[in-house]
Amino acid sequence: MILEIVKYGDSVLRQKGKPVAEITDEIREMAADMIDTMREANGVGLAAQQVGVPMQLTVLEVGTTEERPSTMTVDGKEVDLTEWMPMVLLNPVLELGAEKIEGSEGCLSFPEITAEIERSSSVKAKGRLLDGREIEFEATGLLARALQHETDHLNGILFIDRMKSATRTALAGKLKRLQREGKV
């Protein structure tokens, strides 16, 4: 089922998500609906807050494109991304790599707004998969960026919080309009 994506201005986007303690049928159904919603919106990630639920659940689907390549390493071995996507990640914790890189980001909760955002070029991630397994992996490229973006959402942090002040100032009018329209 396609869910409504919450827009900037809705207070749920600023809420830190509650950890997922148990994987229930409701959690599985929500994850499936979030994947459908993300795909329908042509996104690469979606956090539970973006569908109005403050919990530590995100879905990701990053392809292997030449213009925005990604790698994923599990147990020291690089894996085929297509075998891991879409990924449902519960209670993720990230360790950010030291090297930073700027890249273009958008957000499904901020339609038509993109900006250059500085993020770590690599991350180490820990979390739980929907089948209950604990996972630790390393990611680079778009997957690393998407993990940081979605984990921020799970902690009530928005990509506008990561923008340079000049960029945010330039977008102030659009952000105010979005905020008014998104208020619930």
C-alpha atoms as a PDB file:
ATOM      1  CA  MET A   1       0.000   0.000   0.000  1.00  0.00           C
ATOM      2  CA  ILE A   2       1.275   3.467  -0.855  1.00  0.00           C
ATOM      3  CA  LEU A   3       1.531   5.640   2.251  1.00  0.00           C
ATOM      4  CA  GLU A   4       1.345   9.413   2.449  1.00  0.00           C
ATOM      5  CA  ILE A   5       4.783  11.013   2.727  1.00  0.00           C
ATOM      6  CA  VAL A   6       4.888  13.635   5.456  1.00  0.00           C
ATOM      7  CA  LYS A   7       6.140  17.044   4.311  1.00  0.00           C
ATOM      8  CA  TYR A   8       8.383  19.550   6.058  1.00  0.00           C
ATOM      9  CA  GLY A   9       6.405  21.372   8.710  1.00  0.00           C
ATOM     10  CA  ASP A  10       4.911  18.216  10.235  1.00  0.00           C
ATOM     11  CA  SER A  11       6.284  17.857  13.775  1.00  0.00           C
ATOM     12  CA  VAL A  12       6.803  14.075  13.427  1.00  0.00           C
ATOM     13  CA  LEU A  13       9.856  14.797  11.248  1.00  0.00           C
ATOM     14  CA  ARG A  14      11.595  16.279  14.298  1.00  0.00           C
ATOM     15  CA  GLN A  15      10.855  13.315  16.575  1.00  0.00           C
ATOM     16  CA  LYS A  16      13.527  10.806  17.509  1.00  0.00           C
ATOM     17  CA  GLY A  17      12.244   7.351  16.659  1.00  0.00           C
ATOM     18  CA  LYS A  18      11.589   4.723  19.295  1.00  0.00           C
ATOM     19  CA  PRO A  19      13.719   1.583  18.929  1.00  0.00           C
ATOM     20  CA  VAL A  20      12.016  -1.424  17.345  1.00  0.00           C
ATOM     21  CA  ALA A  21      12.057  -4.014  20.140  1.00  0.00           C
ATOM     22  CA  GLU A  22      10.174  -6.796  18.367  1.00  0.00           C
ATOM     23  CA  ILE A  23       9.645  -7.600  14.704  1.00  0.00           C
ATOM     24  CA  THR A  24       5.898  -8.090  14.412  1.00  0.00           C
ATOM     25  CA  ASP A  25       3.570  -8.600  11.457  1.00  0.00           C
ATOM     26  CA  GLU A  26       2.723  -4.879  11.746  1.00  0.00           C
ATOM     27  CA  ILE A  27       6.413  -3.959  11.409  1.00  0.00           C
ATOM     28  CA  ARG A  28       6.790  -6.273   8.390  1.00  0.00           C
ATOM     29  CA  GLU A  29       3.685  -4.766   6.764  1.00  0.00           C
ATOM     30  CA  MET A  30       4.865  -1.227   7.447  1.00  0.00           C
ATOM     31  CA  ALA A  31       8.291  -2.018   5.928  1.00  0.00           C
ATOM     32  CA  ALA A  32       6.642  -3.480   2.806  1.00  0.00           C
ATOM     33  CA  ASP A  33       4.380  -0.412   2.489  1.00  0.00           C
ATOM     34  CA  MET A  34       7.397   1.879   2.947  1.00  0.00           C
ATOM     35  CA  ILE A  35       9.277   0.083   0.152  1.00  0.00           C
ATOM     36  CA  ASP A  36       6.250   0.471  -2.148  1.00  0.00           C
ATOM     37  CA  THR A  37       5.977   4.152  -1.179  1.00  0.00           C
ATOM     38  CA  MET A  38       9.700   4.813  -1.702  1.00  0.00           C
ATOM     39  CA  ARG A  39       9.615   3.159  -5.132  1.00  0.00           C
ATOM     40  CA  GLU A  40       6.442   5.025  -6.148  1.00  0.00           C
ATOM     41  CA  ALA A  41       8.163   8.317  -5.226  1.00  0.00           C
ATOM     42  CA  ASN A  42      11.437   7.324  -6.989  1.00  0.00           C
ATOM     43  CA  GLY A  43      13.389   7.616  -3.740  1.00  0.00           C
ATOM     44  CA  VAL A  44      16.493   5.763  -2.580  1.00  0.00           C
ATOM     45  CA  GLY A  45      15.491   5.762   1.086  1.00  0.00           C
ATOM     46  CA  LEU A  46      12.559   6.402   3.382  1.00  0.00           C
ATOM     47  CA  ALA A  47      12.453   6.688   7.172  1.00  0.00           C
ATOM     48  CA  ALA A  48       9.438   5.793   9.309  1.00  0.00           C
ATOM     49  CA  GLN A  49       9.092   9.448  10.389  1.00  0.00           C
ATOM     50  CA  GLN A  50       8.454  10.331   6.746  1.00  0.00           C
ATOM     51  CA  VAL A  51       5.266   8.263   6.843  1.00  0.00           C
ATOM     52  CA  GLY A  52       4.235   9.673  10.217  1.00  0.00           C
ATOM     53  CA  VAL A  53       5.594   7.014  12.574  1.00  0.00           C
ATOM     54  CA  PRO A  54       8.456   7.934  14.950  1.00  0.00           C
ATOM     55  CA  MET A  55      10.363   4.647  15.093  1.00  0.00           C
ATOM     56  CA  GLN A  56      13.846   3.419  14.219  1.00  0.00           C
ATOM     57  CA  LEU A  57      12.971   1.811  10.867  1.00  0.00           C
ATOM     58  CA  THR A  58      14.255   2.795   7.449  1.00  0.00           C
ATOM     59  CA  VAL A  59      14.146   1.274   3.991  1.00  0.00           C
ATOM     60  CA  LEU A  60      16.827   1.781   1.343  1.00  0.00           C
ATOM     61  CA  GLU A  61      17.196   0.818  -2.286  1.00  0.00           C
ATOM     62  CA  VAL A  62      20.396   1.907  -3.939  1.00  0.00           C
ATOM     63  CA  GLY A  63      21.290   0.610  -7.366  1.00  0.00           C
ATOM     64  CA  THR A  64      24.684   0.285  -8.957  1.00  0.00           C
ATOM     65  CA  THR A  65      24.837   3.326 -11.211  1.00  0.00           C
ATOM     66  CA  GLU A  66      28.003   4.693 -12.743  1.00  0.00           C
ATOM     67  CA  GLU A  67      27.166   8.307 -11.896  1.00  0.00           C
ATOM     68  CA  ARG A  68      26.562   7.518  -8.192  1.00  0.00           C
ATOM     69  CA  PRO A  69      28.379   4.260  -7.419  1.00  0.00           C
ATOM     70  CA  SER A  70      28.131   2.462  -4.081  1.00  0.00           C
ATOM     71  CA  THR A  71      29.861  -0.407  -2.354  1.00  0.00           C
ATOM     72  CA  MET A  72      28.789  -2.592   0.531  1.00  0.00           C
ATOM     73  CA  THR A  73      31.196  -4.770   2.477  1.00  0.00           C
ATOM     74  CA  VAL A  74      29.993  -7.514   4.839  1.00  0.00           C
ATOM     75  CA  ASP A  75      32.499  -9.539   6.902  1.00  0.00           C
ATOM     76  CA  GLY A  76      35.387  -7.932   5.013  1.00  0.00           C
ATOM     77  CA  LYS A  77      34.063  -8.965   1.581  1.00  0.00           C
ATOM     78  CA  GLU A  78      32.456  -6.680  -0.971  1.00  0.00           C
ATOM     79  CA  VAL A  79      28.968  -7.956  -1.786  1.00  0.00           C
ATOM     80  CA  ASP A  80      26.647  -7.553  -4.757  1.00  0.00           C
ATOM     81  CA  LEU A  81      24.366  -4.672  -3.804  1.00  0.00           C
ATOM     82  CA  THR A  82      21.457  -6.058  -5.811  1.00  0.00           C
ATOM     83  CA  GLU A  83      21.325  -9.080  -3.481  1.00  0.00           C
ATOM     84  CA  TRP A  84      20.811  -6.781  -0.461  1.00  0.00           C
ATOM     85  CA  MET A  85      18.283  -4.338  -1.917  1.00  0.00           C
ATOM     86  CA  PRO A  86      15.773  -3.272  -0.935  1.00  0.00           C
ATOM     87  CA  MET A  87      17.166  -3.192   2.589  1.00  0.00           C
ATOM     88  CA  VAL A  88      15.048  -2.776   5.696  1.00  0.00           C
ATOM     89  CA  LEU A  89      17.200  -1.614   8.588  1.00  0.00           C
ATOM     90  CA  LEU A  90      15.986  -1.435  12.181  1.00  0.00           C
ATOM     91  CA  ASN A  91      17.680   0.530  14.971  1.00  0.00           C
ATOM     92  CA  PRO A  92      20.677   1.554  12.838  1.00  0.00           C
ATOM     93  CA  VAL A  93      23.812   2.985  14.409  1.00  0.00           C
ATOM     94  CA  LEU A  94      26.480   4.543  12.205  1.00  0.00           C
ATOM     95  CA  GLU A  95      30.182   5.139  12.670  1.00  0.00           C
ATOM     96  CA  LEU A  96      31.149   7.886  10.244  1.00  0.00           C
ATOM     97  CA  GLY A  97      34.349   7.782   8.247  1.00  0.00           C
ATOM     98  CA  ALA A  98      36.764  10.707   8.591  1.00  0.00           C
ATOM     99  CA  GLU A  99      36.841  11.719   4.922  1.00  0.00           C
ATOM    100  CA  LYS A 100      34.058  14.141   3.952  1.00  0.00           C
ATOM    101  CA  ILE A 101      32.603  14.752   0.521  1.00  0.00           C
ATOM    102  CA  GLU A 102      29.943  17.094  -0.817  1.00  0.00           C
ATOM    103  CA  GLY A 103      27.126  15.668  -2.885  1.00  0.00           C
ATOM    104  CA  SER A 104      23.688  16.548  -4.143  1.00  0.00           C
ATOM    105  CA  GLU A 105      20.812  15.475  -1.914  1.00  0.00           C
ATOM    106  CA  GLY A 106      17.093  15.733  -2.044  1.00  0.00           C
ATOM    107  CA  CYS A 107      14.421  14.495   0.315  1.00  0.00           C
ATOM    108  CA  LEU A 108      10.949  13.121  -0.297  1.00  0.00           C
ATOM    109  CA  SER A 109       9.675  15.317   2.564  1.00  0.00           C
ATOM    110  CA  PHE A 110      11.060  18.415   0.771  1.00  0.00           C
ATOM    111  CA  PRO A 111       9.654  18.190  -2.765  1.00  0.00           C
ATOM    112  CA  GLU A 112      11.647  20.041  -5.422  1.00  0.00           C
ATOM    113  CA  ILE A 113      14.469  21.050  -3.045  1.00  0.00           C
ATOM    114  CA  THR A 114      18.011  19.784  -3.513  1.00  0.00           C
ATOM    115  CA  ALA A 115      21.300  21.012  -2.121  1.00  0.00           C
ATOM    116  CA  GLU A 116      24.951  20.114  -1.828  1.00  0.00           C
ATOM    117  CA  ILE A 117      25.407  18.431   1.566  1.00  0.00           C
ATOM    118  CA  GLU A 118      28.713  17.427   3.153  1.00  0.00           C
ATOM    119  CA  ARG A 119      28.691  13.851   4.458  1.00  0.00           C
ATOM    120  CA  SER A 120      31.241  11.180   5.296  1.00  0.00           C
ATOM    121  CA  SER A 121      32.279   9.270   2.192  1.00  0.00           C
ATOM    122  CA  SER A 122      32.098   5.973   4.092  1.00  0.00           C
ATOM    123  CA  VAL A 123      30.223   4.561   7.079  1.00  0.00           C
ATOM    124  CA  LYS A 124      30.184   1.478   9.239  1.00  0.00           C
ATOM    125  CA  ALA A 125      26.605   0.523  10.003  1.00  0.00           C
ATOM    126  CA  LYS A 126      25.080  -1.779  12.609  1.00  0.00           C
ATOM    127  CA  GLY A 127      21.435  -2.707  12.855  1.00  0.00           C
ATOM    128  CA  ARG A 128      18.861  -5.421  12.519  1.00  0.00           C
ATOM    129  CA  LEU A 129      17.353  -6.803   9.352  1.00  0.00           C
ATOM    130  CA  LEU A 130      13.669  -7.610   9.018  1.00  0.00           C
ATOM    131  CA  ASP A 131      14.399 -11.344   9.480  1.00  0.00           C
ATOM    132  CA  GLY A 132      15.840 -10.542  12.924  1.00  0.00           C
ATOM    133  CA  ARG A 133      19.519 -10.971  12.038  1.00  0.00           C
ATOM    134  CA  GLU A 134      21.975  -8.426  13.385  1.00  0.00           C
ATOM    135  CA  ILE A 135      24.149  -6.980  10.637  1.00  0.00           C
ATOM    136  CA  GLU A 136      27.358  -4.972  10.492  1.00  0.00           C
ATOM    137  CA  PHE A 137      28.579  -3.630   7.186  1.00  0.00           C
ATOM    138  CA  GLU A 138      30.580  -0.865   5.568  1.00  0.00           C
ATOM    139  CA  ALA A 139      29.222   1.341   2.814  1.00  0.00           C
ATOM    140  CA  THR A 140      30.590   3.954   0.435  1.00  0.00           C
ATOM    141  CA  GLY A 141      29.126   6.167  -2.242  1.00  0.00           C
ATOM    142  CA  LEU A 142      25.391   6.758  -2.536  1.00  0.00           C
ATOM    143  CA  LEU A 143      24.621   3.973  -0.044  1.00  0.00           C
ATOM    144  CA  ALA A 144      26.769   5.698   2.607  1.00  0.00           C
ATOM    145  CA  ARG A 145      25.053   9.030   1.871  1.00  0.00           C
ATOM    146  CA  ALA A 146      21.565   7.469   1.984  1.00  0.00           C
ATOM    147  CA  LEU A 147      22.326   5.700   5.268  1.00  0.00           C
ATOM    148  CA  GLN A 148      23.428   8.990   6.835  1.00  0.00           C
ATOM    149  CA  HIS A 149      20.400  10.865   5.470  1.00  0.00           C
ATOM    150  CA  GLU A 150      17.884   8.245   6.672  1.00  0.00           C
ATOM    151  CA  THR A 151      19.557   7.711  10.057  1.00  0.00           C
ATOM    152  CA  ASP A 152      19.402  11.477  10.554  1.00  0.00           C
ATOM    153  CA  HIS A 153      15.631  11.255   9.929  1.00  0.00           C
ATOM    154  CA  LEU A 154      15.341   8.527  12.567  1.00  0.00           C
ATOM    155  CA  ASN A 155      16.930  10.956  15.033  1.00  0.00           C
ATOM    156  CA  GLY A 156      14.801  13.973  14.094  1.00  0.00           C
ATOM    157  CA  ILE A 157      17.542  15.633  12.015  1.00  0.00           C
ATOM    158  CA  LEU A 158      16.662  16.956   8.563  1.00  0.00           C
ATOM    159  CA  PHE A 159      18.941  17.530   5.597  1.00  0.00           C
ATOM    160  CA  ILE A 160      18.289  21.268   5.819  1.00  0.00           C
ATOM    161  CA  ASP A 161      20.106  21.123   9.186  1.00  0.00           C
ATOM    162  CA  ARG A 162      23.209  19.984   7.270  1.00  0.00           C
ATOM    163  CA  MET A 163      23.026  22.705   4.604  1.00  0.00           C
ATOM    164  CA  LYS A 164      25.484  25.560   4.482  1.00  0.00           C
ATOM    165  CA  SER A 165      23.878  28.692   5.887  1.00  0.00           C
ATOM    166  CA  ALA A 166      24.080  30.489   2.523  1.00  0.00           C
ATOM    167  CA  THR A 167      22.176  27.661   0.838  1.00  0.00           C
ATOM    168  CA  ARG A 168      19.552  27.629   3.557  1.00  0.00           C
ATOM    169  CA  THR A 169      19.172  31.406   3.284  1.00  0.00           C
ATOM    170  CA  ALA A 170      18.733  31.121  -0.490  1.00  0.00           C
ATOM    171  CA  LEU A 171      16.007  28.506   0.034  1.00  0.00           C
ATOM    172  CA  ALA A 172      14.286  30.365   2.908  1.00  0.00           C
ATOM    173  CA  GLY A 173      11.201  31.344   0.888  1.00  0.00           C
ATOM    174  CA  LYS A 174      10.620  27.816  -0.430  1.00  0.00           C
ATOM    175  CA  LEU A 175      11.204  26.334   3.027  1.00  0.00           C
ATOM    176  CA  LYS A 176       8.715  28.721   4.674  1.00  0.00           C
ATOM    177  CA  ARG A 177       6.072  27.860   2.063  1.00  0.00           C
ATOM    178  CA  LEU A 178       6.680  24.110   2.526  1.00  0.00           C
ATOM    179  CA  GLN A 179       6.575  24.461   6.283  1.00  0.00           C
ATOM    180  CA  ARG A 180       3.218  26.262   6.163  1.00  0.00           C
ATOM    181  CA  GLU A 181       1.766  23.641   3.790  1.00  0.00           C
ATOM    182  CA  GLY A 182       3.132  20.721   5.847  1.00  0.00           C
ATOM    183  CA  LYS A 183       1.950  21.832   9.290  1.00  0.00           C
ATOM    184  CA  VAL A 184      -0.385  19.346  10.914  1.00  0.00           C
END
